[in-house]
């Protein structure tokens, strides 16, 4: 089953865990066949939030909500169950300075229809 491990860190702690440590753990997970994707994110100041209300697209700078910890990156993993995903998440290097949110990935229910092609 797929799990998304969202890495949250306080802004002042982002550099406490160097990229090479996160990359090394990602390589280990990849060698074990557990890593599907992993990427760090740019700081929250670069975020853009998009909402659609009453057919109108509303774009605003910044994150959706103000929090002390900010989304710093993610690991998309494959694990047999939640307990295995938690064991993997506990080894993600920034877990020592922030938090890792582990969420199961849900497959889209297309009701027998195939997904439309992206027009982005």
Protein backbone atom coordinates (compact mmCIF):
# COMPACT_ATOMS: atom_id res chain seq x y z
CA UNK A 1 0.00 0.00 0.00
CA UNK A 2 1.16 3.53 -0.71
CA UNK A 3 1.73 6.00 2.13
CA UNK A 4 2.67 9.66 1.91
CA UNK A 5 5.09 10.77 4.60
CA UNK A 6 4.81 14.55 4.90
CA UNK A 7 7.82 16.19 6.52
CA UNK A 8 7.03 19.18 8.75
CA UNK A 9 9.68 21.42 10.29
CA UNK A 10 9.73 24.80 11.98
CA UNK A 11 11.27 27.29 9.52
CA UNK A 12 14.30 27.83 11.76
CA UNK A 13 15.00 24.06 11.79
CA UNK A 14 15.01 23.49 7.99
CA UNK A 15 18.81 23.44 7.77
CA UNK A 16 19.31 21.19 10.81
CA UNK A 17 19.10 18.15 8.54
CA UNK A 18 21.33 18.44 5.47
CA UNK A 19 20.01 17.33 2.07
CA UNK A 20 22.63 14.57 1.80
CA UNK A 21 21.20 12.80 4.89
CA UNK A 22 17.68 12.85 3.45
CA UNK A 23 18.97 11.71 0.05
CA UNK A 24 20.92 8.86 1.63
CA UNK A 25 17.81 7.60 3.42
CA UNK A 26 15.86 7.92 0.16
CA UNK A 27 18.51 5.82 -1.63
CA UNK A 28 18.27 3.16 1.08
CA UNK A 29 14.47 3.02 0.70
CA UNK A 30 14.86 2.86 -3.08
CA UNK A 31 17.27 -0.08 -2.81
CA UNK A 32 14.69 -1.83 -0.60
CA UNK A 33 11.97 -1.22 -3.18
CA UNK A 34 10.05 1.02 -0.74
CA UNK A 35 10.57 4.51 -2.22
CA UNK A 36 8.20 5.67 -4.94
CA UNK A 37 9.14 9.38 -4.84
CA UNK A 38 10.73 11.94 -2.52
CA UNK A 39 11.35 15.64 -2.92
CA UNK A 40 12.15 18.62 -0.71
CA UNK A 41 10.01 21.71 -1.13
CA UNK A 42 10.94 25.37 -1.39
CA UNK A 43 10.05 27.53 1.63
CA UNK A 44 6.40 28.35 2.30
CA UNK A 45 6.94 31.93 1.09
CA UNK A 46 7.08 30.53 -2.46
CA UNK A 47 3.70 28.77 -2.15
CA UNK A 48 0.59 29.76 -4.06
CA UNK A 49 -2.86 28.67 -2.89
CA UNK A 50 -5.63 28.15 -5.46
CA UNK A 51 -9.32 28.02 -4.56
CA UNK A 52 -12.43 27.94 -6.72
CA UNK A 53 -15.50 29.58 -5.20
CA UNK A 54 -18.74 29.99 -7.14
CA UNK A 55 -16.86 29.29 -10.37
CA UNK A 56 -14.24 31.98 -9.68
CA UNK A 57 -10.56 31.05 -9.39
CA UNK A 58 -8.96 32.78 -6.42
CA UNK A 59 -5.16 32.77 -6.20
CA UNK A 60 -3.30 33.93 -3.11
CA UNK A 61 0.31 33.93 -2.04
CA UNK A 62 1.42 31.68 0.75
CA UNK A 63 0.11 28.61 2.49
CA UNK A 64 -3.46 27.67 3.25
CA UNK A 65 -3.02 27.92 7.03
CA UNK A 66 -0.54 29.53 9.39
CA UNK A 67 1.30 26.99 11.51
CA UNK A 68 4.58 26.91 13.36
CA UNK A 69 5.77 23.88 11.41
CA UNK A 70 5.72 24.09 7.64
CA UNK A 71 5.59 21.38 4.99
CA UNK A 72 9.23 20.87 4.00
CA UNK A 73 9.02 17.82 1.73
CA UNK A 74 7.66 14.35 1.30
CA UNK A 75 8.46 10.68 0.82
CA UNK A 76 5.97 8.54 -1.10
CA UNK A 77 6.58 4.99 0.09
CA UNK A 78 5.24 1.49 -0.38
CA UNK A 79 4.66 -0.42 2.86
CA UNK A 80 2.70 -3.54 3.75
CA UNK A 81 0.67 -1.76 6.44
CA UNK A 82 0.52 1.33 8.65
CA UNK A 83 2.91 -0.14 11.23
CA UNK A 84 5.56 -0.70 8.55
CA UNK A 85 4.98 2.83 7.21
CA UNK A 86 5.44 4.24 10.72
CA UNK A 87 8.72 2.35 11.12
CA UNK A 88 9.95 3.81 7.82
CA UNK A 89 8.75 7.32 8.74
CA UNK A 90 10.52 7.16 12.11
CA UNK A 91 13.83 6.82 10.24
CA UNK A 92 13.30 9.86 7.99
CA UNK A 93 16.10 12.19 9.20
CA UNK A 94 13.98 15.33 9.84
CA UNK A 95 11.79 13.34 12.27
CA UNK A 96 14.40 14.23 14.88
CA UNK A 97 13.74 17.97 14.46
CA UNK A 98 10.14 18.12 13.28
CA UNK A 99 7.32 15.70 12.59
CA UNK A 100 6.32 13.23 9.90
CA UNK A 101 2.65 12.88 9.04
CA UNK A 102 1.91 9.42 7.61
CA UNK A 103 -1.20 9.17 5.44
CA UNK A 104 -2.42 6.29 3.30
CA UNK A 105 -2.81 7.15 -0.37
CA UNK A 106 -6.30 6.56 -1.73
CA UNK A 107 -6.81 5.43 -5.30
CA UNK A 108 -9.25 7.59 -7.26
CA UNK A 109 -12.65 5.96 -7.69
CA UNK A 110 -13.30 6.54 -11.37
CA UNK A 111 -16.49 4.48 -11.45
CA UNK A 112 -15.22 2.40 -14.35
CA UNK A 113 -14.15 5.46 -16.34
CA UNK A 114 -10.56 6.15 -17.19
CA UNK A 115 -8.84 9.30 -16.00
CA UNK A 116 -9.01 12.24 -18.43
CA UNK A 117 -5.80 13.47 -20.01
CA UNK A 118 -4.17 16.41 -18.25
CA UNK A 119 -4.54 19.72 -20.03
CA UNK A 120 -2.11 21.74 -17.94
